Amino acid sequence: MTQLHPRLQQDCHYVSRLDLCHLLLMNDCNYPWCILVPDRDGITEIHQLEEADQQQLIRESSRLARGLTQLYRPDKLNIAAIGNLVPQLHLHHVVRYTGDPAWPKPVWGHAPARPYTDEAAHESIARLQSVMARSGHDG
């Protein structure tokens, strides 16, 4: 298993392992916010992945997007590979609503993170695991 960047370890809850990626939940209940991290060493950009891994990343991202849409019914789902603070390739999936604290601006740096309670984190992780399991295998 690829070592997760320390910032991802610090800021996220581990949800599950998909075929290519680790699925994480950002520890900020201001927004339902997941992160996919490909299990590949030394990769900082999508184009550095082998073509099959690029395609698998898109499949897993789409699967996660469908699951988040089913769970949260967002007004918008923002998907981005930013990586300014964490060079390890990771793909953000942020559920947005027109009434959320940052709307319509980006979520980064807008409001202080509100960590999940242990109970809320456990519940959110279980819901994500369930919706991802129902959506089938990625292979």
C-alpha atoms as a PDB file:
ATOM      1  CA  MET A   1       0.000   0.000   0.000  1.00  0.00           C
ATOM      2  CA  THR A   2       1.234   3.451  -0.908  1.00  0.00           C
ATOM      3  CA  GLN A   3       1.920   5.599   2.143  1.00  0.00           C
ATOM      4  CA  LEU A   4      -0.631   8.401   2.410  1.00  0.00           C
ATOM      5  CA  HIS A   5       0.784  11.905   2.652  1.00  0.00           C
ATOM      6  CA  PRO A   6       0.884  13.026   6.325  1.00  0.00           C
ATOM      7  CA  ARG A   7      -1.603  15.846   5.630  1.00  0.00           C
ATOM      8  CA  LEU A   8      -4.133  13.351   4.236  1.00  0.00           C
ATOM      9  CA  GLN A   9      -3.595  11.114   7.256  1.00  0.00           C
ATOM     10  CA  GLN A  10      -4.122  14.074   9.570  1.00  0.00           C
ATOM     11  CA  ASP A  11      -7.135  15.624   7.807  1.00  0.00           C
ATOM     12  CA  CYS A  12      -9.129  12.543   6.749  1.00  0.00           C
ATOM     13  CA  HIS A  13     -10.909   9.415   7.916  1.00  0.00           C
ATOM     14  CA  TYR A  14     -10.198   6.207   6.001  1.00  0.00           C
ATOM     15  CA  VAL A  15     -13.334   4.816   4.318  1.00  0.00           C
ATOM     16  CA  SER A  16     -12.292   1.917   2.074  1.00  0.00           C
ATOM     17  CA  ARG A  17     -10.058   0.562  -0.633  1.00  0.00           C
ATOM     18  CA  LEU A  18     -11.300   0.470  -4.219  1.00  0.00           C
ATOM     19  CA  ASP A  19      -9.497  -1.326  -7.043  1.00  0.00           C
ATOM     20  CA  LEU A  20      -7.062   1.554  -7.621  1.00  0.00           C
ATOM     21  CA  CYS A  21      -7.745   4.143  -4.959  1.00  0.00           C
ATOM     22  CA  HIS A  22      -8.049   4.636  -1.262  1.00  0.00           C
ATOM     23  CA  LEU A  23     -11.308   6.403  -0.429  1.00  0.00           C
ATOM     24  CA  LEU A  24     -11.051   9.017   2.324  1.00  0.00           C
ATOM     25  CA  LEU A  25     -13.559  11.285   4.063  1.00  0.00           C
ATOM     26  CA  MET A  26     -12.309  14.784   4.798  1.00  0.00           C
ATOM     27  CA  ASN A  27     -12.771  15.525   8.506  1.00  0.00           C
ATOM     28  CA  ASP A  28     -14.867  18.641   7.856  1.00  0.00           C
ATOM     29  CA  CYS A  29     -18.616  18.359   8.318  1.00  0.00           C
ATOM     30  CA  ASN A  30     -19.178  21.771   6.692  1.00  0.00           C
ATOM     31  CA  TYR A  31     -19.345  19.826   3.420  1.00  0.00           C
ATOM     32  CA  PRO A  32     -19.641  16.143   2.488  1.00  0.00           C
ATOM     33  CA  TRP A  33     -16.136  15.815   1.031  1.00  0.00           C
ATOM     34  CA  CYS A  34     -14.354  12.687  -0.161  1.00  0.00           C
ATOM     35  CA  ILE A  35     -10.903  12.158  -1.602  1.00  0.00           C
ATOM     36  CA  LEU A  36      -9.634   9.411  -3.889  1.00  0.00           C
ATOM     37  CA  VAL A  37      -5.917   8.604  -3.655  1.00  0.00           C
ATOM     38  CA  PRO A  38      -4.496   6.224  -6.282  1.00  0.00           C
ATOM     39  CA  ASP A  39      -2.361   3.498  -4.718  1.00  0.00           C
ATOM     40  CA  ARG A  40       0.692   4.339  -6.817  1.00  0.00           C
ATOM     41  CA  ASP A  41       4.039   5.599  -5.530  1.00  0.00           C
ATOM     42  CA  GLY A  42       5.582   8.833  -6.776  1.00  0.00           C
ATOM     43  CA  ILE A  43       2.573  10.049  -8.779  1.00  0.00           C
ATOM     44  CA  THR A  44       1.658  13.735  -8.557  1.00  0.00           C
ATOM     45  CA  GLU A  45      -0.394  14.217 -11.743  1.00  0.00           C
ATOM     46  CA  ILE A  46      -3.094  12.204 -13.522  1.00  0.00           C
ATOM     47  CA  HIS A  47      -1.074  12.087 -16.770  1.00  0.00           C
ATOM     48  CA  GLN A  48       1.720  10.230 -14.914  1.00  0.00           C
ATOM     49  CA  LEU A  49      -0.541   7.238 -14.352  1.00  0.00           C
ATOM     50  CA  GLU A  50      -0.457   4.369 -16.828  1.00  0.00           C
ATOM     51  CA  GLU A  51      -3.357   4.628 -19.275  1.00  0.00           C
ATOM     52  CA  ALA A  52      -5.250   1.745 -17.646  1.00  0.00           C
ATOM     53  CA  ASP A  53      -4.893   3.446 -14.251  1.00  0.00           C
ATOM     54  CA  GLN A  54      -6.108   6.748 -15.722  1.00  0.00           C
ATOM     55  CA  GLN A  55      -9.231   4.983 -16.972  1.00  0.00           C
ATOM     56  CA  GLN A  56      -9.702   3.217 -13.637  1.00  0.00           C
ATOM     57  CA  LEU A  57      -9.396   6.532 -11.783  1.00  0.00           C
ATOM     58  CA  ILE A  58     -12.169   7.989 -13.937  1.00  0.00           C
ATOM     59  CA  ARG A  59     -14.353   4.905 -13.309  1.00  0.00           C
ATOM     60  CA  GLU A  60     -13.814   5.138  -9.548  1.00  0.00           C
ATOM     61  CA  SER A  61     -14.370   8.904  -9.558  1.00  0.00           C
ATOM     62  CA  SER A  62     -17.619   8.470 -11.487  1.00  0.00           C
ATOM     63  CA  ARG A  63     -18.726   5.696  -9.141  1.00  0.00           C
ATOM     64  CA  LEU A  64     -18.018   7.911  -6.131  1.00  0.00           C
ATOM     65  CA  ALA A  65     -19.797  10.855  -7.774  1.00  0.00           C
ATOM     66  CA  ARG A  66     -22.905   8.720  -8.332  1.00  0.00           C
ATOM     67  CA  GLY A  67     -22.776   7.544  -4.718  1.00  0.00           C
ATOM     68  CA  LEU A  68     -22.378  11.054  -3.316  1.00  0.00           C
ATOM     69  CA  THR A  69     -25.205  12.296  -5.525  1.00  0.00           C
ATOM     70  CA  GLN A  70     -27.441   9.466  -4.298  1.00  0.00           C
ATOM     71  CA  LEU A  71     -26.589  10.117  -0.636  1.00  0.00           C
ATOM     72  CA  TYR A  72     -26.591  13.901  -0.555  1.00  0.00           C
ATOM     73  CA  ARG A  73     -28.547  15.227  -3.582  1.00  0.00           C
ATOM     74  CA  PRO A  74     -26.158  18.165  -4.123  1.00  0.00           C
ATOM     75  CA  ASP A  75     -26.830  21.309  -6.097  1.00  0.00           C
ATOM     76  CA  LYS A  76     -23.309  20.820  -7.524  1.00  0.00           C
ATOM     77  CA  LEU A  77     -20.564  18.235  -7.106  1.00  0.00           C
ATOM     78  CA  ASN A  78     -17.083  19.731  -7.458  1.00  0.00           C
ATOM     79  CA  ILE A  79     -14.340  17.324  -8.528  1.00  0.00           C
ATOM     80  CA  ALA A  80     -10.746  18.543  -8.633  1.00  0.00           C
ATOM     81  CA  ALA A  81      -7.119  17.453  -8.450  1.00  0.00           C
ATOM     82  CA  ILE A  82      -5.495  20.507  -6.864  1.00  0.00           C
ATOM     83  CA  GLY A  83      -2.414  19.297  -4.989  1.00  0.00           C
ATOM     84  CA  ASN A  84      -0.873  22.633  -4.003  1.00  0.00           C
ATOM     85  CA  LEU A  85      -0.312  21.558  -0.381  1.00  0.00           C
ATOM     86  CA  VAL A  86      -0.295  17.770  -0.871  1.00  0.00           C
ATOM     87  CA  PRO A  87       1.774  16.733  -3.904  1.00  0.00           C
ATOM     88  CA  GLN A  88       0.563  13.099  -3.801  1.00  0.00           C
ATOM     89  CA  LEU A  89      -2.096  12.684  -6.497  1.00  0.00           C
ATOM     90  CA  HIS A  90      -5.545  12.897  -4.951  1.00  0.00           C
ATOM     91  CA  LEU A  91      -8.941  13.782  -6.354  1.00  0.00           C
ATOM     92  CA  HIS A  92     -11.373  15.856  -4.263  1.00  0.00           C
ATOM     93  CA  HIS A  93     -15.142  15.256  -4.517  1.00  0.00           C
ATOM     94  CA  VAL A  94     -16.958  18.062  -2.668  1.00  0.00           C
ATOM     95  CA  VAL A  95     -20.740  18.135  -2.322  1.00  0.00           C
ATOM     96  CA  ARG A  96     -21.997  21.711  -2.668  1.00  0.00           C
ATOM     97  CA  TYR A  97     -25.295  23.391  -1.904  1.00  0.00           C
ATOM     98  CA  THR A  98     -26.322  26.946  -2.744  1.00  0.00           C
ATOM     99  CA  GLY A  99     -26.686  27.590   1.013  1.00  0.00           C
ATOM    100  CA  ASP A 100     -23.388  26.081   2.204  1.00  0.00           C
ATOM    101  CA  PRO A 101     -20.886  28.295   4.091  1.00  0.00           C
ATOM    102  CA  ALA A 102     -18.684  29.007   1.052  1.00  0.00           C
ATOM    103  CA  TRP A 103     -21.208  29.132  -1.809  1.00  0.00           C
ATOM    104  CA  PRO A 104     -20.473  30.021  -4.583  1.00  0.00           C
ATOM    105  CA  LYS A 105     -16.758  30.309  -3.810  1.00  0.00           C
ATOM    106  CA  PRO A 106     -14.307  27.395  -3.420  1.00  0.00           C
ATOM    107  CA  VAL A 107     -14.375  25.650  -0.045  1.00  0.00           C
ATOM    108  CA  TRP A 108     -10.635  25.962   0.595  1.00  0.00           C
ATOM    109  CA  GLY A 109      -9.827  28.516   3.270  1.00  0.00           C
ATOM    110  CA  HIS A 110     -13.366  29.853   3.519  1.00  0.00           C
ATOM    111  CA  ALA A 111     -14.548  28.508   6.880  1.00  0.00           C
ATOM    112  CA  PRO A 112     -12.607  26.698   9.592  1.00  0.00           C
ATOM    113  CA  ALA A 113     -12.980  22.929   9.359  1.00  0.00           C
ATOM    114  CA  ARG A 114     -15.632  21.514  11.674  1.00  0.00           C
ATOM    115  CA  PRO A 115     -14.416  18.026  12.617  1.00  0.00           C
ATOM    116  CA  TYR A 116     -16.975  15.235  12.727  1.00  0.00           C
ATOM    117  CA  THR A 117     -17.904  13.828  16.101  1.00  0.00           C
ATOM    118  CA  ASP A 118     -16.841  10.195  16.424  1.00  0.00           C
ATOM    119  CA  GLU A 119     -20.466   9.121  16.007  1.00  0.00           C
ATOM    120  CA  ALA A 120     -21.070  11.309  12.942  1.00  0.00           C
ATOM    121  CA  ALA A 121     -17.804  10.161  11.325  1.00  0.00           C
ATOM    122  CA  HIS A 122     -18.706   6.511  11.917  1.00  0.00           C
ATOM    123  CA  GLU A 123     -22.193   7.077  10.452  1.00  0.00           C
ATOM    124  CA  SER A 124     -20.880   8.928   7.389  1.00  0.00           C
ATOM    125  CA  ILE A 125     -18.221   6.289   6.735  1.00  0.00           C
ATOM    126  CA  ALA A 126     -20.804   3.498   7.038  1.00  0.00           C
ATOM    127  CA  ARG A 127     -23.144   5.281   4.599  1.00  0.00           C
ATOM    128  CA  LEU A 128     -20.296   5.781   2.105  1.00  0.00           C
ATOM    129  CA  GLN A 129     -19.191   2.155   2.413  1.00  0.00           C
ATOM    130  CA  SER A 130     -22.766   1.001   1.872  1.00  0.00           C
ATOM    131  CA  VAL A 131     -23.417   3.136  -1.208  1.00  0.00           C
ATOM    132  CA  MET A 132     -20.060   2.143  -2.710  1.00  0.00           C
ATOM    133  CA  ALA A 133     -20.731  -1.559  -2.053  1.00  0.00           C
ATOM    134  CA  ARG A 134     -24.157  -1.285  -3.726  1.00  0.00           C
ATOM    135  CA  SER A 135     -22.610   0.348  -6.779  1.00  0.00           C
ATOM    136  CA  GLY A 136     -20.572  -2.771  -7.493  1.00  0.00           C
ATOM    137  CA  HIS A 137     -17.008  -3.763  -8.157  1.00  0.00           C
ATOM    138  CA  ASP A 138     -14.742  -1.490 -10.216  1.00  0.00           C
ATOM    139  CA  GLY A 139     -12.699  -4.146 -11.985  1.00  0.00           C
END
